N, C-alpha and C. Protein backbone atom coordinates (compact mmCIF):
# COMPACT_ATOMS: atom_id res chain seq x y z
N MET A 1 15.08 -8.59 16.04
CA MET A 1 13.26 -7.98 15.79
C MET A 1 13.51 -6.95 14.53
N THR A 2 12.73 -7.23 14.00
CA THR A 2 12.79 -6.63 12.35
C THR A 2 11.30 -5.24 12.67
N ALA A 3 11.81 -4.56 11.95
CA ALA A 3 11.15 -2.94 11.39
C ALA A 3 10.19 -3.06 10.38
N TRP A 4 8.63 -2.50 10.50
CA TRP A 4 7.81 -3.36 9.88
C TRP A 4 7.28 -1.82 9.34
N ALA A 5 6.46 -1.83 8.14
CA ALA A 5 5.36 -0.79 8.32
C ALA A 5 4.02 -2.38 7.44
N ALA A 6 3.22 -1.63 8.32
CA ALA A 6 1.91 -2.79 7.44
C ALA A 6 1.12 -1.30 7.22
N MET A 7 0.33 -1.85 5.52
CA MET A 7 -0.31 -0.73 5.07
C MET A 7 -1.87 -1.87 4.97
N LEU A 8 -3.21 -1.58 5.63
CA LEU A 8 -4.00 -2.04 5.36
C LEU A 8 -5.06 -1.56 4.20
N LYS A 9 -5.55 -2.54 3.50
CA LYS A 9 -6.18 -2.16 2.52
C LYS A 9 -7.28 -1.37 2.69
N GLY A 10 -7.57 -0.33 2.01
CA GLY A 10 -9.33 -0.06 1.81
C GLY A 10 -9.79 0.68 3.52
N ILE A 11 -9.29 1.03 4.28
CA ILE A 11 -9.11 1.73 5.59
C ILE A 11 -9.64 3.05 5.34
N ASN A 12 -10.90 3.61 5.68
CA ASN A 12 -11.11 4.63 6.38
C ASN A 12 -11.68 5.50 4.97
N VAL A 13 -11.77 4.72 3.98
CA VAL A 13 -11.78 5.59 2.31
C VAL A 13 -13.53 5.18 2.29
N GLY A 14 -13.76 6.44 1.43
CA GLY A 14 -15.07 6.63 1.06
C GLY A 14 -16.17 5.99 2.32
N GLY A 15 -16.22 6.27 3.38
CA GLY A 15 -16.99 5.99 4.17
C GLY A 15 -17.02 4.32 4.50
N ASN A 16 -16.25 3.30 4.26
CA ASN A 16 -16.18 1.90 4.25
C ASN A 16 -14.55 1.49 5.25
N SER A 17 -15.11 0.25 5.58
CA SER A 17 -14.14 -0.20 7.08
C SER A 17 -13.50 0.85 7.47
N LYS A 18 -14.38 1.19 8.31
CA LYS A 18 -13.66 2.19 9.82
C LYS A 18 -13.26 1.92 10.74
N LEU A 19 -12.14 2.27 10.91
CA LEU A 19 -11.10 1.80 11.74
C LEU A 19 -10.16 3.17 12.47
N PRO A 20 -10.34 3.86 13.47
CA PRO A 20 -9.89 4.29 14.25
C PRO A 20 -8.53 4.07 14.44
N MET A 21 -7.65 5.24 14.78
CA MET A 21 -6.29 4.44 15.06
C MET A 21 -5.49 4.23 15.75
N ALA A 22 -6.19 4.61 16.59
CA ALA A 22 -6.18 4.50 18.08
C ALA A 22 -6.93 3.16 18.30
N GLU A 23 -7.54 2.75 17.61
CA GLU A 23 -8.04 1.19 17.78
C GLU A 23 -6.92 0.33 17.22
N LEU A 24 -6.32 0.54 15.92
CA LEU A 24 -5.28 -0.03 15.31
C LEU A 24 -4.14 -0.59 16.05
N ARG A 25 -3.81 0.80 16.82
CA ARG A 25 -2.31 0.94 17.28
C ARG A 25 -2.50 -0.46 18.68
N GLU A 26 -4.07 0.02 19.74
CA GLU A 26 -4.29 -0.97 20.23
C GLU A 26 -4.24 -2.80 20.02
N ILE A 27 -4.79 -2.71 18.75
CA ILE A 27 -4.62 -3.91 18.30
C ILE A 27 -3.54 -4.85 17.58
N CYS A 28 -2.34 -3.90 17.22
CA CYS A 28 -0.80 -3.92 17.34
C CYS A 28 -0.44 -4.54 18.61
N GLU A 29 -0.90 -3.71 19.79
CA GLU A 29 -0.27 -3.68 20.61
C GLU A 29 -0.72 -5.21 22.01
N GLU A 30 -2.02 -5.53 21.35
CA GLU A 30 -2.02 -6.51 22.26
C GLU A 30 -1.11 -8.09 21.53
N LEU A 31 -1.23 -7.27 20.37
CA LEU A 31 -0.43 -8.71 19.56
C LEU A 31 1.18 -8.73 20.37
N ARG A 32 1.25 -7.47 21.21
CA ARG A 32 2.88 -7.62 21.40
C ARG A 32 4.00 -7.12 20.92
N TYR A 33 3.66 -6.45 19.76
CA TYR A 33 4.42 -5.64 18.52
C TYR A 33 5.05 -4.29 19.44
N ARG A 34 6.16 -3.88 19.42
CA ARG A 34 6.64 -2.96 19.72
C ARG A 34 6.95 -1.48 19.60
N GLN A 35 6.99 -0.49 20.04
CA GLN A 35 6.90 1.14 19.14
C GLN A 35 5.84 1.01 18.02
N VAL A 36 4.95 0.75 18.15
CA VAL A 36 3.71 0.80 17.74
C VAL A 36 3.81 2.24 17.67
N LYS A 37 3.92 2.94 16.03
CA LYS A 37 2.90 4.07 15.66
C LYS A 37 2.05 4.22 14.73
N THR A 38 0.77 4.91 14.44
CA THR A 38 -0.14 4.53 12.77
C THR A 38 0.32 6.30 12.34
N LEU A 39 -0.01 6.05 11.47
CA LEU A 39 0.10 7.01 10.25
C LEU A 39 -0.77 7.62 9.73
N LEU A 40 -1.38 8.86 9.76
CA LEU A 40 -2.23 8.95 8.97
C LEU A 40 -3.44 8.44 9.55
N ALA A 41 -5.01 8.49 8.60
CA ALA A 41 -5.92 8.06 9.09
C ALA A 41 -5.92 6.53 8.00
N SER A 42 -5.57 6.17 7.42
CA SER A 42 -6.25 5.59 6.15
C SER A 42 -5.26 3.90 6.03
N GLY A 43 -5.05 3.51 7.40
CA GLY A 43 -4.47 2.31 7.80
C GLY A 43 -2.99 2.13 7.63
N ASN A 44 -2.15 3.08 7.75
CA ASN A 44 -0.92 2.55 8.06
C ASN A 44 -0.42 2.52 9.45
N VAL A 45 0.53 1.70 9.80
CA VAL A 45 0.78 1.42 10.86
C VAL A 45 2.22 0.57 10.95
N THR A 46 3.68 1.29 12.33
CA THR A 46 4.37 0.27 12.03
C THR A 46 4.83 0.11 13.42
N PHE A 47 5.80 -0.76 13.23
CA PHE A 47 6.11 -1.59 14.87
C PHE A 47 7.66 -2.82 14.58
N HIS A 48 7.82 -3.29 15.22
CA HIS A 48 8.72 -4.01 15.44
C HIS A 48 8.28 -5.39 15.95
N THR A 49 8.68 -6.48 15.72
CA THR A 49 8.28 -7.85 15.89
C THR A 49 9.09 -8.82 15.34
N ASP A 50 9.28 -9.71 15.77
CA ASP A 50 9.86 -10.66 15.41
C ASP A 50 8.85 -11.80 14.67
N GLY A 51 9.38 -12.54 13.41
CA GLY A 51 8.17 -13.55 13.02
C GLY A 51 8.96 -13.02 11.43
N SER A 52 8.12 -14.25 10.55
CA SER A 52 8.20 -13.88 9.19
C SER A 52 7.30 -13.13 8.46
N ALA A 53 7.42 -12.57 7.51
CA ALA A 53 6.14 -11.95 6.86
C ALA A 53 4.77 -12.30 6.56
N ALA A 54 4.69 -13.45 6.48
CA ALA A 54 3.85 -14.59 5.72
C ALA A 54 3.16 -14.62 7.72
N GLU A 55 3.65 -15.08 8.18
CA GLU A 55 2.86 -15.21 10.01
C GLU A 55 2.53 -13.92 10.51
N ILE A 56 3.38 -12.87 10.27
CA ILE A 56 2.92 -10.82 11.01
C ILE A 56 1.42 -11.11 10.35
N VAL A 57 1.54 -10.77 9.05
CA VAL A 57 -0.02 -10.60 7.83
C VAL A 57 -1.04 -11.78 8.71
N GLU A 58 -0.59 -13.12 8.45
CA GLU A 58 -1.50 -13.65 9.12
C GLU A 58 -2.43 -13.37 10.55
N GLU A 59 -1.56 -13.14 11.39
CA GLU A 59 -1.88 -12.94 12.61
C GLU A 59 -2.37 -11.75 13.05
N LEU A 60 -2.08 -10.66 12.01
CA LEU A 60 -2.31 -9.16 12.13
C LEU A 60 -4.02 -9.25 11.69
N GLU A 61 -4.11 -9.91 9.89
CA GLU A 61 -5.72 -10.08 9.59
C GLU A 61 -6.31 -10.81 10.24
N GLU A 62 -6.17 -12.17 11.13
CA GLU A 62 -6.95 -12.71 11.92
C GLU A 62 -6.99 -11.34 13.41
N ALA A 63 -6.78 -11.02 13.68
CA ALA A 63 -6.77 -9.88 15.49
C ALA A 63 -7.67 -8.88 14.39
N LEU A 64 -7.36 -7.87 13.30
CA LEU A 64 -8.46 -7.61 12.82
C LEU A 64 -10.00 -8.03 12.50
N ALA A 65 -10.22 -8.94 11.49
CA ALA A 65 -11.30 -9.79 11.75
C ALA A 65 -11.83 -10.10 13.16
N ALA A 66 -11.48 -10.41 14.39
CA ALA A 66 -11.76 -10.78 15.17
C ALA A 66 -12.56 -9.34 16.10
N HIS A 67 -11.93 -8.00 15.36
CA HIS A 67 -12.46 -6.81 15.67
C HIS A 67 -13.77 -6.24 14.37
N ARG A 68 -13.93 -7.11 14.18
CA ARG A 68 -15.26 -6.97 13.30
C ARG A 68 -14.64 -6.25 11.87
N LEU A 69 -12.98 -6.25 11.29
CA LEU A 69 -12.40 -5.73 10.53
C LEU A 69 -12.26 -6.64 9.16
N ARG A 70 -12.40 -7.16 8.46
CA ARG A 70 -11.74 -8.21 7.32
C ARG A 70 -11.02 -7.06 6.34
N THR A 71 -9.93 -7.42 6.33
CA THR A 71 -9.28 -6.58 4.67
C THR A 71 -7.72 -7.20 5.27
N LYS A 72 -7.43 -6.70 4.20
CA LYS A 72 -6.09 -7.38 3.58
C LYS A 72 -4.78 -6.48 4.39
N VAL A 73 -3.80 -7.37 4.79
CA VAL A 73 -2.47 -6.35 5.04
C VAL A 73 -1.40 -6.61 4.09
N LEU A 74 -0.75 -5.68 3.69
CA LEU A 74 0.51 -5.82 2.71
C LEU A 74 1.51 -5.37 3.90
N LEU A 75 2.73 -6.05 3.79
CA LEU A 75 3.86 -5.45 4.73
C LEU A 75 4.92 -4.95 4.07
N ARG A 76 5.66 -4.65 4.66
CA ARG A 76 6.70 -4.34 3.91
C ARG A 76 8.20 -3.45 5.44
N THR A 77 9.21 -4.27 4.94
CA THR A 77 10.00 -3.44 6.02
C THR A 77 11.02 -2.42 5.43
N ARG A 78 11.33 -1.24 6.36
CA ARG A 78 11.89 -0.33 6.22
C ARG A 78 13.22 -0.35 4.67
N GLU A 79 13.78 -1.37 4.58
CA GLU A 79 14.83 -1.65 2.90
C GLU A 79 13.99 -1.95 1.92
N GLU A 80 12.95 -2.79 2.27
CA GLU A 80 11.66 -2.84 1.20
C GLU A 80 11.46 -1.40 0.59
N LEU A 81 10.68 -0.41 1.67
CA LEU A 81 10.29 0.74 0.95
C LEU A 81 11.15 1.33 0.24
N GLU A 82 12.39 1.60 1.25
CA GLU A 82 13.43 2.08 0.41
C GLU A 82 13.94 1.74 -0.94
N ALA A 83 14.30 0.83 -1.04
CA ALA A 83 14.45 -0.08 -2.40
C ALA A 83 12.90 0.33 -3.49
N ALA A 84 12.00 0.31 -3.07
CA ALA A 84 10.95 0.55 -3.31
C ALA A 84 11.07 2.24 -4.30
N VAL A 85 11.22 3.02 -3.44
CA VAL A 85 11.82 4.16 -3.77
C VAL A 85 12.65 4.27 -4.65
N LYS A 86 14.07 3.83 -4.70
CA LYS A 86 14.65 3.57 -5.53
C LYS A 86 14.46 3.08 -6.83
N ALA A 87 13.99 2.04 -6.83
CA ALA A 87 13.45 1.83 -7.99
C ALA A 87 11.96 2.42 -8.86
N ASN A 88 11.93 3.97 -8.27
CA ASN A 88 10.63 4.18 -9.05
C ASN A 88 11.19 4.57 -10.13
N PRO A 89 10.32 4.26 -11.57
CA PRO A 89 10.57 4.81 -12.81
C PRO A 89 9.62 6.05 -13.39
N PHE A 90 9.35 6.83 -12.49
CA PHE A 90 8.96 8.14 -12.58
C PHE A 90 9.88 8.99 -11.44
N PRO A 91 10.94 9.53 -11.74
CA PRO A 91 11.39 10.46 -11.21
C PRO A 91 10.70 11.66 -10.96
N ASP A 92 10.38 12.23 -12.18
CA ASP A 92 10.00 13.45 -12.37
C ASP A 92 9.03 13.60 -11.69
N ALA A 93 7.68 12.64 -11.78
CA ALA A 93 6.46 12.71 -11.35
C ALA A 93 6.65 12.93 -9.43
N ALA A 94 7.76 12.45 -8.98
CA ALA A 94 7.78 12.90 -7.61
C ALA A 94 8.07 13.27 -7.13
N GLU A 95 9.00 14.07 -8.09
CA GLU A 95 9.49 15.69 -8.11
C GLU A 95 8.98 16.13 -8.38
N ALA A 96 7.56 16.29 -9.70
CA ALA A 96 6.41 17.58 -9.84
C ALA A 96 5.22 17.13 -8.82
N HIS A 97 4.66 16.18 -8.88
CA HIS A 97 3.45 15.91 -7.72
C HIS A 97 3.55 14.47 -7.09
N PRO A 98 4.01 14.10 -6.07
CA PRO A 98 4.40 13.48 -5.74
C PRO A 98 3.07 12.59 -4.64
N ASN A 99 2.03 13.65 -4.44
CA ASN A 99 0.69 13.13 -4.02
C ASN A 99 -0.46 12.30 -4.92
N HIS A 100 0.47 12.87 -6.53
CA HIS A 100 -0.72 11.85 -7.21
C HIS A 100 0.80 10.40 -8.29
N LEU A 101 1.61 10.42 -7.84
CA LEU A 101 2.66 9.13 -7.75
C LEU A 101 2.31 7.97 -6.30
N LEU A 102 1.54 6.74 -6.98
CA LEU A 102 1.46 6.07 -6.06
C LEU A 102 1.47 4.56 -6.74
N ILE A 103 2.56 3.95 -5.36
CA ILE A 103 2.98 2.86 -5.39
C ILE A 103 1.84 1.88 -5.28
N LEU A 104 1.32 0.63 -5.93
CA LEU A 104 0.36 -0.37 -5.62
C LEU A 104 1.22 -1.93 -4.90
N PHE A 105 1.06 -1.60 -3.60
CA PHE A 105 1.63 -2.58 -3.14
C PHE A 105 0.83 -4.10 -3.38
N HIS A 106 1.89 -4.86 -3.60
CA HIS A 106 1.07 -6.36 -4.08
C HIS A 106 1.92 -7.69 -3.28
N ARG A 107 1.45 -8.95 -2.66
CA ARG A 107 1.78 -9.96 -2.43
C ARG A 107 2.64 -10.61 -3.24
N GLU A 108 2.21 -10.35 -4.23
CA GLU A 108 2.84 -11.62 -5.46
C GLU A 108 3.49 -10.67 -6.60
N PRO A 109 4.52 -11.07 -7.43
CA PRO A 109 5.44 -10.17 -8.66
C PRO A 109 3.95 -9.77 -9.28
N PHE A 110 3.79 -8.36 -9.64
CA PHE A 110 2.76 -7.90 -10.69
C PHE A 110 2.53 -8.87 -12.01
N PRO A 111 1.97 -9.35 -12.79
CA PRO A 111 1.88 -9.68 -13.87
C PRO A 111 2.22 -8.93 -15.06
N GLU A 112 3.31 -8.83 -15.55
CA GLU A 112 3.49 -7.46 -16.27
C GLU A 112 2.50 -7.87 -17.72
N ALA A 113 2.14 -8.77 -17.94
CA ALA A 113 1.08 -9.20 -19.12
C ALA A 113 0.06 -8.10 -18.92
N LEU A 114 -0.63 -7.90 -17.70
CA LEU A 114 -1.44 -7.07 -17.73
C LEU A 114 -1.58 -5.41 -18.40
N LEU A 115 -0.53 -5.11 -18.12
CA LEU A 115 -0.16 -3.77 -18.51
C LEU A 115 -0.53 -3.99 -20.06
N ASP A 116 0.12 -4.91 -20.90
CA ASP A 116 0.02 -5.25 -22.31
C ASP A 116 -1.47 -4.97 -22.74
N LYS A 117 -2.19 -5.39 -21.81
CA LYS A 117 -3.85 -5.74 -21.71
C LYS A 117 -4.30 -3.78 -21.74
N LEU A 118 -3.65 -3.80 -20.76
CA LEU A 118 -4.39 -2.60 -20.34
C LEU A 118 -4.30 -1.50 -21.48
N ALA A 119 -3.18 -1.01 -22.12
CA ALA A 119 -2.67 -0.40 -22.97
C ALA A 119 -3.61 -0.36 -24.07
N ALA A 120 -4.01 -2.24 -24.31
CA ALA A 120 -5.18 -2.02 -25.18
C ALA A 120 -6.59 -0.99 -25.40
N VAL A 121 -6.93 -1.60 -24.27
CA VAL A 121 -8.39 -0.86 -23.86
C VAL A 121 -8.86 0.40 -23.35
N TYR A 122 -7.06 1.20 -22.54
CA TYR A 122 -7.37 2.43 -21.78
C TYR A 122 -6.09 2.87 -22.20
N ASP A 123 -6.82 4.50 -22.27
CA ASP A 123 -5.60 5.23 -23.34
C ASP A 123 -5.50 6.77 -22.78
N GLY A 124 -5.85 6.62 -21.18
CA GLY A 124 -5.38 7.39 -20.64
C GLY A 124 -4.09 8.09 -20.29
N PRO A 125 -4.21 9.67 -19.34
CA PRO A 125 -3.06 10.21 -18.84
C PRO A 125 -2.12 9.46 -18.52
N GLU A 126 -2.39 8.30 -17.17
CA GLU A 126 -1.34 7.61 -16.51
C GLU A 126 -0.35 6.68 -17.42
N ARG A 127 0.49 6.78 -16.30
CA ARG A 127 1.88 5.90 -16.70
C ARG A 127 1.86 5.02 -15.72
N LEU A 128 2.20 3.96 -15.81
CA LEU A 128 2.44 2.65 -15.40
C LEU A 128 3.71 1.45 -15.68
N LYS A 129 3.58 1.08 -14.31
CA LYS A 129 5.59 0.60 -14.63
C LYS A 129 5.32 -0.66 -13.79
N ALA A 130 5.91 -1.69 -13.67
CA ALA A 130 5.58 -2.78 -12.93
C ALA A 130 6.86 -3.48 -12.51
N VAL A 131 7.20 -3.02 -10.97
CA VAL A 131 8.89 -3.43 -10.67
C VAL A 131 8.80 -4.36 -9.77
N GLY A 132 8.74 -5.91 -9.86
CA GLY A 132 8.54 -6.91 -8.77
C GLY A 132 6.86 -6.98 -8.23
N CYS A 133 6.75 -6.90 -6.93
CA CYS A 133 5.33 -6.75 -6.25
C CYS A 133 5.46 -5.64 -6.38
N ASP A 134 5.58 -4.08 -7.15
CA ASP A 134 4.97 -3.20 -7.01
C ASP A 134 4.54 -2.37 -8.33
N LEU A 135 3.17 -1.77 -8.09
CA LEU A 135 3.23 -1.28 -9.94
C LEU A 135 2.82 0.74 -9.45
N TYR A 136 3.78 1.07 -9.88
CA TYR A 136 3.95 2.22 -10.22
C TYR A 136 3.02 2.86 -10.72
N ILE A 137 1.88 3.81 -10.80
CA ILE A 137 1.21 4.42 -11.13
C ILE A 137 1.54 6.46 -11.52
N ASP A 138 1.81 6.93 -12.23
CA ASP A 138 1.84 8.19 -12.08
C ASP A 138 0.54 9.00 -12.61
N TYR A 139 -0.34 9.63 -12.05
CA TYR A 139 -1.76 10.21 -12.32
C TYR A 139 -1.03 11.75 -12.83
N PRO A 140 -1.04 11.76 -13.56
CA PRO A 140 -0.21 13.55 -14.08
C PRO A 140 -1.31 14.58 -14.08
N GLU A 141 -2.35 14.40 -13.91
CA GLU A 141 -3.77 15.16 -13.51
C GLU A 141 -4.72 14.76 -12.23
N ASP A 142 -4.90 14.13 -12.30
CA ASP A 142 -6.45 14.00 -10.91
C ASP A 142 -6.50 12.67 -10.84
N ILE A 143 -6.04 12.02 -9.70
CA ILE A 143 -6.38 10.86 -9.24
C ILE A 143 -8.27 10.46 -9.23
N GLY A 144 -8.56 11.91 -8.89
CA GLY A 144 -10.43 11.27 -8.08
C GLY A 144 -11.03 11.36 -9.53
N HIS A 145 -10.45 11.38 -10.63
CA HIS A 145 -11.40 11.49 -11.60
C HIS A 145 -10.61 10.46 -12.90
N SER A 146 -10.17 9.97 -12.35
CA SER A 146 -9.24 8.95 -13.23
C SER A 146 -10.28 7.61 -13.75
N LYS A 147 -10.21 7.15 -14.82
CA LYS A 147 -10.89 6.07 -15.19
C LYS A 147 -10.44 5.15 -15.26
N LEU A 148 -8.76 5.08 -14.62
CA LEU A 148 -7.75 4.03 -14.12
C LEU A 148 -8.39 2.69 -13.82
N HIS A 149 -8.74 2.74 -12.33
CA HIS A 149 -9.76 2.19 -11.81
C HIS A 149 -10.84 1.00 -12.39
N GLN A 150 -11.72 1.63 -13.55
CA GLN A 150 -12.84 1.28 -13.83
C GLN A 150 -11.98 0.04 -14.93
N ALA A 151 -10.96 0.18 -15.66
CA ALA A 151 -10.30 -0.33 -16.43
C ALA A 151 -9.62 -1.27 -16.21
N THR A 152 -8.71 -1.06 -15.06
CA THR A 152 -7.95 -1.97 -13.91
C THR A 152 -9.05 -3.09 -13.22
N ALA A 153 -10.30 -3.05 -13.17
CA ALA A 153 -11.11 -3.56 -12.38
C ALA A 153 -11.43 -4.75 -13.78
N LYS A 154 -11.71 -3.73 -14.74
CA LYS A 154 -12.10 -4.59 -15.83
C LYS A 154 -11.18 -6.15 -16.16
N LEU A 155 -9.96 -5.80 -16.39
CA LEU A 155 -8.92 -6.63 -16.43
C LEU A 155 -8.78 -7.48 -15.25
N LYS A 156 -9.15 -7.29 -14.09
CA LYS A 156 -9.09 -8.26 -12.66
C LYS A 156 -7.67 -8.10 -12.36
N PHE A 157 -7.16 -7.46 -12.13
CA PHE A 157 -6.01 -7.07 -11.97
C PHE A 157 -6.10 -6.96 -10.47
N PRO A 158 -4.69 -8.21 -9.91
CA PRO A 158 -5.11 -8.37 -8.95
C PRO A 158 -5.37 -7.66 -7.62
N ALA A 159 -6.61 -7.90 -6.99
CA ALA A 159 -6.79 -7.44 -5.80
C ALA A 159 -6.55 -7.19 -4.65
N VAL A 160 -6.00 -8.34 -4.36
CA VAL A 160 -4.90 -8.25 -2.81
C VAL A 160 -3.60 -7.26 -3.78
N SER A 161 -4.06 -5.81 -2.98
CA SER A 161 -2.94 -4.64 -2.98
C SER A 161 -3.51 -3.44 -2.05
N THR A 162 -2.68 -2.48 -1.87
CA THR A 162 -3.28 -1.44 -1.40
C THR A 162 -2.15 -0.07 -1.91
N GLY A 163 -2.31 0.79 -2.31
CA GLY A 163 -1.64 1.97 -3.02
C GLY A 163 -1.16 3.04 -1.95
N ARG A 164 -0.13 3.41 -1.98
CA ARG A 164 0.42 4.68 -0.70
C ARG A 164 0.80 5.83 -1.96
N ASN A 165 0.49 6.96 -1.90
CA ASN A 165 1.22 8.22 -2.39
C ASN A 165 2.52 8.41 -2.15
N TRP A 166 3.40 8.82 -3.00
CA TRP A 166 5.11 9.11 -2.28
C TRP A 166 5.39 9.83 -1.48
N ASN A 167 4.29 10.56 -1.01
CA ASN A 167 3.78 11.30 0.48
C ASN A 167 4.34 10.75 1.66
N THR A 168 3.45 9.81 1.34
CA THR A 168 3.08 8.48 2.69
C THR A 168 3.94 7.46 2.66
N ILE A 169 4.83 7.33 1.70
CA ILE A 169 5.78 6.48 1.71
C ILE A 169 6.96 7.00 2.50
N ALA A 170 7.33 8.31 2.25
CA ALA A 170 8.55 8.80 2.90
C ALA A 170 8.35 8.66 3.90
N LYS A 171 6.70 9.49 4.33
CA LYS A 171 6.47 9.41 6.04
C LYS A 171 6.76 8.06 6.78
N LEU A 172 6.19 6.95 5.87
CA LEU A 172 6.49 5.72 6.41
C LEU A 172 8.15 5.35 6.91
N ILE A 173 8.72 5.17 6.04
CA ILE A 173 10.23 5.42 5.96
C ILE A 173 10.63 5.92 7.06
N ALA A 174 11.00 7.24 7.32
CA ALA A 174 11.01 8.04 7.91
C ALA A 174 10.63 7.76 9.69
N GLN A 175 9.41 7.46 9.74
CA GLN A 175 8.72 6.72 10.93
C GLN A 175 9.03 5.54 11.27
N LEU A 176 9.84 4.54 9.80
CA LEU A 176 10.36 3.41 10.12
C LEU A 176 11.71 3.79 10.92
N GLY A 177 12.66 4.84 10.85
CA GLY A 177 13.35 5.33 11.79
C GLY A 177 14.78 5.16 11.08
């Protein structure tokens, strides 16, 4: 049995896609996942189950849709999350402002050519680096007022992704044991 962290896209953000974490736990328990625990109110859940990542994502997305919530699920094992932490290209940001260092998790390797295109149209203070399926973003100033999101939307960055800050990633790893 494998321990997984599932991160749901866009849950309880800005009044959209509301899902109480107790309901998320129930959905996972109905799927017979074991040791189900949620983290924060933003769609993070850890559990143990058998099956491939693709099978679990499909099963969980279908179960969420049956509860009238259509969202994407990004799945990582503890080892994958630990590898993402080790690959961090911005260790200074993790130290100085961990709540402003995000990893956007994707299902497929991030197309690095998009970062070159972004540099041509956006000159904000953020630093971005793709490593495999993860996109690291250091927001040295303020996430809420950053114009980065508008620029990435114009360039059609991959839509199937969800971000978590450094503190949340550390908590997910700890929760996975």
